[in-house]
C-alpha atoms as a PDB file:
ATOM      1  CA  MET A   1       0.311  33.645 -17.714  1.00  0.00           C
ATOM      2  CA  SER A   2       3.641  32.887 -18.531  1.00  0.00           C
ATOM      3  CA  ASN A   3       5.601  35.888 -21.087  1.00  0.00           C
ATOM      4  CA  GLY A   4       7.471  32.096 -22.502  1.00  0.00           C
ATOM      5  CA  THR A   5      11.083  33.240 -21.194  1.00  0.00           C
ATOM      6  CA  GLN A   6      12.509  29.951 -20.070  1.00  0.00           C
ATOM      7  CA  ASN A   7      12.596  28.546 -16.396  1.00  0.00           C
ATOM      8  CA  HIS A   8      16.791  28.596 -15.161  1.00  0.00           C
ATOM      9  CA  ASP A   9      15.694  26.553 -11.981  1.00  0.00           C
ATOM     10  CA  GLN A  10      13.256  24.344 -14.033  1.00  0.00           C
ATOM     11  CA  LYS A  11      13.542  20.186 -12.288  1.00  0.00           C
ATOM     12  CA  GLY A  12      13.955  18.031 -14.548  1.00  0.00           C
ATOM     13  CA  PHE A  13      11.765  15.451 -14.990  1.00  0.00           C
ATOM     14  CA  VAL A  14       9.771  12.473 -16.913  1.00  0.00           C
ATOM     15  CA  LEU A  15       6.201  12.228 -16.771  1.00  0.00           C
ATOM     16  CA  TRP A  16       5.354   8.483 -17.529  1.00  0.00           C
ATOM     17  CA  MET A  17       1.876   7.727 -19.718  1.00  0.00           C
ATOM     18  CA  THR A  18       0.630   4.599 -19.579  1.00  0.00           C
ATOM     19  CA  GLY A  19      -2.798   2.753 -20.151  1.00  0.00           C
ATOM     20  CA  LEU A  20      -4.578   1.310 -23.105  1.00  0.00           C
ATOM     21  CA  SER A  21      -4.195   2.158 -26.960  1.00  0.00           C
ATOM     22  CA  GLY A  22      -6.495   4.581 -27.057  1.00  0.00           C
ATOM     23  CA  SER A  23      -7.443   5.045 -23.607  1.00  0.00           C
ATOM     24  CA  GLY A  24      -6.247   8.922 -24.570  1.00  0.00           C
ATOM     25  CA  LYS A  25      -2.630   9.341 -23.176  1.00  0.00           C
ATOM     26  CA  THR A  26      -1.522  11.448 -26.480  1.00  0.00           C
ATOM     27  CA  THR A  27      -4.292  13.670 -26.347  1.00  0.00           C
ATOM     28  CA  ILE A  28      -3.176  14.500 -22.824  1.00  0.00           C
ATOM     29  CA  ALA A  29      -0.454  14.436 -23.605  1.00  0.00           C
ATOM     30  CA  MET A  30      -0.171  16.864 -25.655  1.00  0.00           C
ATOM     31  CA  LEU A  31      -2.269  19.170 -24.259  1.00  0.00           C
ATOM     32  CA  LEU A  32       0.548  19.433 -21.106  1.00  0.00           C
ATOM     33  CA  GLU A  33       2.729  19.990 -23.403  1.00  0.00           C
ATOM     34  CA  THR A  34       1.209  22.832 -24.660  1.00  0.00           C
ATOM     35  CA  GLU A  35       0.689  24.356 -20.992  1.00  0.00           C
ATOM     36  CA  LEU A  36       3.956  23.799 -19.787  1.00  0.00           C
ATOM     37  CA  ARG A  37       5.740  25.522 -22.599  1.00  0.00           C
ATOM     38  CA  ASN A  38       3.227  27.922 -21.599  1.00  0.00           C
ATOM     39  CA  ARG A  39       4.854  28.876 -18.519  1.00  0.00           C
ATOM     40  CA  GLY A  40       8.084  29.083 -20.023  1.00  0.00           C
ATOM     41  CA  LEU A  41       9.091  25.280 -19.070  1.00  0.00           C
ATOM     42  CA  LYS A  42      11.912  23.234 -21.025  1.00  0.00           C
ATOM     43  CA  VAL A  43       9.462  20.495 -22.703  1.00  0.00           C
ATOM     44  CA  GLU A  44      10.057  17.482 -24.887  1.00  0.00           C
ATOM     45  CA  ARG A  45       7.439  15.103 -25.722  1.00  0.00           C
ATOM     46  CA  LEU A  46       7.866  11.436 -26.166  1.00  0.00           C
ATOM     47  CA  ASP A  47       5.127   9.178 -28.381  1.00  0.00           C
ATOM     48  CA  GLY A  48       4.623   6.008 -28.648  1.00  0.00           C
ATOM     49  CA  ASP A  49       3.895   6.543 -32.496  1.00  0.00           C
ATOM     50  CA  ILE A  50       6.427   8.541 -33.447  1.00  0.00           C
ATOM     51  CA  VAL A  51       9.223   6.877 -31.639  1.00  0.00           C
ATOM     52  CA  ARG A  52       8.005   3.725 -33.196  1.00  0.00           C
ATOM     53  CA  GLN A  53       8.771   5.975 -36.661  1.00  0.00           C
ATOM     54  CA  HIS A  54      11.589   7.262 -36.087  1.00  0.00           C
ATOM     55  CA  LEU A  55      14.255   5.697 -33.369  1.00  0.00           C
ATOM     56  CA  THR A  56      12.841   1.840 -33.154  1.00  0.00           C
ATOM     57  CA  ARG A  57      11.165   1.355 -35.926  1.00  0.00           C
ATOM     58  CA  ASP A  58      13.138  -1.724 -36.034  1.00  0.00           C
ATOM     59  CA  LEU A  59      11.055  -3.139 -33.935  1.00  0.00           C
ATOM     60  CA  GLY A  60       8.488  -5.023 -34.028  1.00  0.00           C
ATOM     61  CA  PHE A  61       5.511  -6.358 -30.853  1.00  0.00           C
ATOM     62  CA  SER A  62       7.032  -8.830 -29.013  1.00  0.00           C
ATOM     63  CA  LYS A  63       7.959  -8.151 -25.162  1.00  0.00           C
ATOM     64  CA  GLU A  64      11.984  -8.246 -26.172  1.00  0.00           C
ATOM     65  CA  ASP A  65      11.224  -6.057 -28.728  1.00  0.00           C
ATOM     66  CA  ARG A  66       8.473  -3.884 -26.335  1.00  0.00           C
ATOM     67  CA  GLU A  67      11.228  -4.109 -23.893  1.00  0.00           C
ATOM     68  CA  LYS A  68      14.088  -2.409 -26.982  1.00  0.00           C
ATOM     69  CA  ASN A  69      11.584   0.128 -27.398  1.00  0.00           C
ATOM     70  CA  ILE A  70      11.115   1.052 -23.471  1.00  0.00           C
ATOM     71  CA  GLU A  71      15.244   0.705 -23.660  1.00  0.00           C
ATOM     72  CA  ARG A  72      15.447   3.261 -25.661  1.00  0.00           C
ATOM     73  CA  VAL A  73      12.764   5.648 -24.632  1.00  0.00           C
ATOM     74  CA  THR A  74      14.440   5.526 -20.935  1.00  0.00           C
ATOM     75  CA  PHE A  75      17.950   6.263 -22.254  1.00  0.00           C
ATOM     76  CA  VAL A  76      16.707   9.480 -24.228  1.00  0.00           C
ATOM     77  CA  ALA A  77      14.680  10.669 -20.999  1.00  0.00           C
ATOM     78  CA  LYS A  78      17.216   9.768 -18.720  1.00  0.00           C
ATOM     79  CA  LEU A  79      19.312  12.282 -20.512  1.00  0.00           C
ATOM     80  CA  LEU A  80      16.794  15.417 -21.302  1.00  0.00           C
ATOM     81  CA  SER A  81      14.927  15.054 -17.481  1.00  0.00           C
ATOM     82  CA  ARG A  82      18.584  14.577 -15.600  1.00  0.00           C
ATOM     83  CA  ASN A  83      19.499  17.941 -18.068  1.00  0.00           C
ATOM     84  CA  GLY A  84      16.843  19.655 -16.257  1.00  0.00           C
ATOM     85  CA  VAL A  85      13.954  19.455 -18.833  1.00  0.00           C
ATOM     86  CA  ALA A  86      10.357  18.891 -18.491  1.00  0.00           C
ATOM     87  CA  CYS A  87      10.168  15.299 -20.368  1.00  0.00           C
ATOM     88  CA  ILE A  88       6.276  13.861 -20.912  1.00  0.00           C
ATOM     89  CA  CYS A  89       6.295  10.721 -22.114  1.00  0.00           C
ATOM     90  CA  SER A  90       3.162   8.379 -23.744  1.00  0.00           C
ATOM     91  CA  PHE A  91       3.706   4.547 -24.552  1.00  0.00           C
ATOM     92  CA  ILE A  92       0.992   1.923 -23.750  1.00  0.00           C
ATOM     93  CA  SER A  93       4.885   0.135 -21.398  1.00  0.00           C
ATOM     94  CA  PRO A  94       2.267  -2.531 -20.385  1.00  0.00           C
ATOM     95  CA  TYR A  95       4.797  -3.802 -18.030  1.00  0.00           C
ATOM     96  CA  GLN A  96       5.943  -3.472 -14.420  1.00  0.00           C
ATOM     97  CA  SER A  97       9.246  -4.372 -14.313  1.00  0.00           C
ATOM     98  CA  ILE A  98       9.764  -2.212 -16.792  1.00  0.00           C
ATOM     99  CA  ARG A  99       8.187   1.374 -15.656  1.00  0.00           C
ATOM    100  CA  ASP A 100       9.372  -0.022 -12.483  1.00  0.00           C
ATOM    101  CA  ARG A 101      13.409   0.413 -14.397  1.00  0.00           C
ATOM    102  CA  VAL A 102      12.071   3.336 -16.656  1.00  0.00           C
ATOM    103  CA  ARG A 103      11.621   4.689 -12.787  1.00  0.00           C
ATOM    104  CA  ALA A 104      15.341   3.738 -11.191  1.00  0.00           C
ATOM    105  CA  GLU A 105      16.998   5.245 -14.089  1.00  0.00           C
ATOM    106  CA  THR A 106      15.549   9.113 -14.937  1.00  0.00           C
ATOM    107  CA  THR A 107      15.072  12.001 -12.807  1.00  0.00           C
ATOM    108  CA  ASN A 108      12.102  12.830 -11.132  1.00  0.00           C
ATOM    109  CA  PHE A 109      10.110   9.928 -12.139  1.00  0.00           C
ATOM    110  CA  ILE A 110       6.013  10.331 -12.045  1.00  0.00           C
ATOM    111  CA  GLU A 111       3.622   7.065 -13.325  1.00  0.00           C
ATOM    112  CA  VAL A 112       0.582   8.413 -15.175  1.00  0.00           C
ATOM    113  CA  PHE A 113      -1.907   5.283 -14.935  1.00  0.00           C
ATOM    114  CA  VAL A 114      -4.477   6.961 -18.421  1.00  0.00           C
ATOM    115  CA  ASP A 115      -7.482   4.814 -16.523  1.00  0.00           C
ATOM    116  CA  ALA A 116     -10.116   3.949 -19.135  1.00  0.00           C
ATOM    117  CA  SER A 117     -11.977   0.879 -19.563  1.00  0.00           C
ATOM    118  CA  LEU A 118     -11.316  -2.197 -22.079  1.00  0.00           C
ATOM    119  CA  ASP A 119     -15.467  -1.160 -23.465  1.00  0.00           C
ATOM    120  CA  ALA A 120     -14.474   2.797 -23.515  1.00  0.00           C
ATOM    121  CA  VAL A 121     -11.097   2.125 -25.992  1.00  0.00           C
ATOM    122  CA  ILE A 122     -12.737  -0.205 -28.041  1.00  0.00           C
ATOM    123  CA  GLU A 123     -15.372   2.802 -28.336  1.00  0.00           C
ATOM    124  CA  ARG A 124     -13.620   4.789 -29.469  1.00  0.00           C
ATOM    125  CA  ASP A 125     -10.814   2.809 -31.819  1.00  0.00           C
ATOM    126  CA  ILE A 126     -11.151   4.661 -34.767  1.00  0.00           C
ATOM    127  CA  LYS A 127      -7.968   2.500 -36.400  1.00  0.00           C
ATOM    128  CA  GLY A 128     -10.342  -0.259 -35.400  1.00  0.00           C
ATOM    129  CA  LEU A 129      -7.253  -2.139 -34.489  1.00  0.00           C
ATOM    130  CA  TYR A 130      -9.269  -3.035 -31.651  1.00  0.00           C
ATOM    131  CA  LYS A 131     -11.895  -5.026 -34.022  1.00  0.00           C
ATOM    132  CA  GLU A 132      -9.118  -6.663 -35.617  1.00  0.00           C
ATOM    133  CA  ALA A 133      -7.136  -8.252 -32.916  1.00  0.00           C
ATOM    134  CA  LEU A 134     -10.436  -9.649 -30.732  1.00  0.00           C
ATOM    135  CA  LYS A 135     -10.959 -11.408 -34.375  1.00  0.00           C
ATOM    136  CA  GLY A 136      -7.451 -12.305 -33.841  1.00  0.00           C
ATOM    137  CA  ASN A 137      -5.580 -10.502 -37.023  1.00  0.00           C
ATOM    138  CA  ILE A 138      -3.392  -8.438 -35.014  1.00  0.00           C
ATOM    139  CA  PRO A 139      -0.907 -10.977 -32.727  1.00  0.00           C
ATOM    140  CA  ASN A 140       0.728  -8.978 -29.134  1.00  0.00           C
ATOM    141  CA  PHE A 141      -1.783  -6.671 -28.866  1.00  0.00           C
ATOM    142  CA  THR A 142      -2.097  -5.446 -25.125  1.00  0.00           C
ATOM    143  CA  GLY A 143      -5.159  -5.942 -23.359  1.00  0.00           C
ATOM    144  CA  ILE A 144      -6.495  -8.415 -25.766  1.00  0.00           C
ATOM    145  CA  SER A 145      -3.702 -11.047 -26.831  1.00  0.00           C
ATOM    146  CA  ASP A 146      -0.856  -9.387 -25.119  1.00  0.00           C
ATOM    147  CA  PRO A 147      -1.068  -8.201 -20.316  1.00  0.00           C
ATOM    148  CA  PHE A 148      -1.943  -5.409 -19.846  1.00  0.00           C
ATOM    149  CA  GLU A 149      -0.616  -4.858 -16.495  1.00  0.00           C
ATOM    150  CA  ALA A 150      -1.633  -1.921 -14.496  1.00  0.00           C
ATOM    151  CA  PRO A 151      -0.238  -0.454 -12.043  1.00  0.00           C
ATOM    152  CA  GLU A 152      -1.084  -0.712  -8.649  1.00  0.00           C
ATOM    153  CA  ASP A 153       0.062   2.131  -7.064  1.00  0.00           C
ATOM    154  CA  PRO A 154       1.083   5.252  -9.732  1.00  0.00           C
ATOM    155  CA  ASP A 155       2.192   8.452  -9.106  1.00  0.00           C
ATOM    156  CA  ILE A 156      -1.293   9.956 -10.134  1.00  0.00           C
ATOM    157  CA  HIS A 157      -4.084   8.228 -11.617  1.00  0.00           C
ATOM    158  CA  VAL A 158      -6.428   9.693 -14.414  1.00  0.00           C
ATOM    159  CA  ARG A 159      -9.889   8.053 -15.424  1.00  0.00           C
ATOM    160  CA  THR A 160      -9.453   9.514 -18.728  1.00  0.00           C
ATOM    161  CA  ASP A 161     -13.739   7.353 -19.414  1.00  0.00           C
ATOM    162  CA  LEU A 162     -14.629   9.446 -16.731  1.00  0.00           C
ATOM    163  CA  GLN A 163     -13.506  12.944 -16.955  1.00  0.00           C
ATOM    164  CA  THR A 164     -12.360  15.289 -20.843  1.00  0.00           C
ATOM    165  CA  PRO A 165      -8.681  15.750 -21.504  1.00  0.00           C
ATOM    166  CA  LEU A 166      -8.678  18.936 -20.133  1.00  0.00           C
ATOM    167  CA  GLU A 167      -9.542  17.603 -16.659  1.00  0.00           C
ATOM    168  CA  SER A 168      -7.307  14.593 -16.903  1.00  0.00           C
ATOM    169  CA  ALA A 169      -4.510  17.256 -17.891  1.00  0.00           C
ATOM    170  CA  GLY A 170      -5.881  19.860 -15.069  1.00  0.00           C
ATOM    171  CA  HIS A 171      -5.591  16.881 -11.969  1.00  0.00           C
ATOM    172  CA  ILE A 172      -1.649  16.043 -13.598  1.00  0.00           C
ATOM    173  CA  LEU A 173      -0.950  19.618 -14.183  1.00  0.00           C
ATOM    174  CA  GLY A 174      -1.834  20.206 -10.273  1.00  0.00           C
ATOM    175  CA  GLU A 175       0.135  16.870  -8.679  1.00  0.00           C
ATOM    176  CA  LEU A 176       2.947  18.511 -10.435  1.00  0.00           C
ATOM    177  CA  GLU A 177       2.327  21.409  -9.223  1.00  0.00           C
ATOM    178  CA  ASP A 178       2.197  20.201  -5.379  1.00  0.00           C
ATOM    179  CA  ALA A 179       5.082  18.015  -6.273  1.00  0.00           C
ATOM    180  CA  GLY A 180       7.173  21.620  -6.197  1.00  0.00           C
ATOM    181  CA  LEU A 181       8.246  20.252 -10.380  1.00  0.00           C
ATOM    182  CA  ILE A 182       6.096  22.909 -12.387  1.00  0.00           C
ATOM    183  CA  PRO A 183       5.567  26.286 -11.727  1.00  0.00           C
ATOM    184  CA  LEU A 184       2.025  27.386 -10.287  1.00  0.00           C
ATOM    185  CA  THR A 185      -0.997  28.793 -12.893  1.00  0.00           C
ATOM    186  CA  VAL A 186      -0.063  33.267 -12.484  1.00  0.00           C
ATOM    187  CA  LEU A 187      -3.346  35.125 -13.754  1.00  0.00           C
ATOM    188  CA  ASP A 188      -3.473  38.340 -15.882  1.00  0.00           C
END
């Protein structure tokens, strides 16, 4: 493996992970972040929950607020990617038009559909959010009372109800290697 030195020829990119709440975006993003750092890359991970605590805590979950949330994240991702940083973004980002806008504004945008059936994400839901949304207690809940526009032609598609997180991360890494955005794994 890499000795941890920075790759000065690194290409910046935005790995945009979209999918329902509980589909595995954050879990896979953390695996990818670790592996990319191990390969000596500059990496930043922007996660929906973390961003909402620090950068966009003033926003709710209406369509307008979701758009503002992603607009702010896009600005950060644009700065990072154009400066040679691998930016891993994990956001539900339910609307295709918003994801298309992020693609247009960032460097080397890769849309990853982290796909799992509604039944699978409801089963995984340790916080009970889907249960509450199904009762009508949480308004604007993506996949229940608010739409999720699944990517029709994502750059990468993983099925987390059929793969382990490591298998999904491995698939994504392979696609990034094939695209020439990250170095190949060097085995000792």
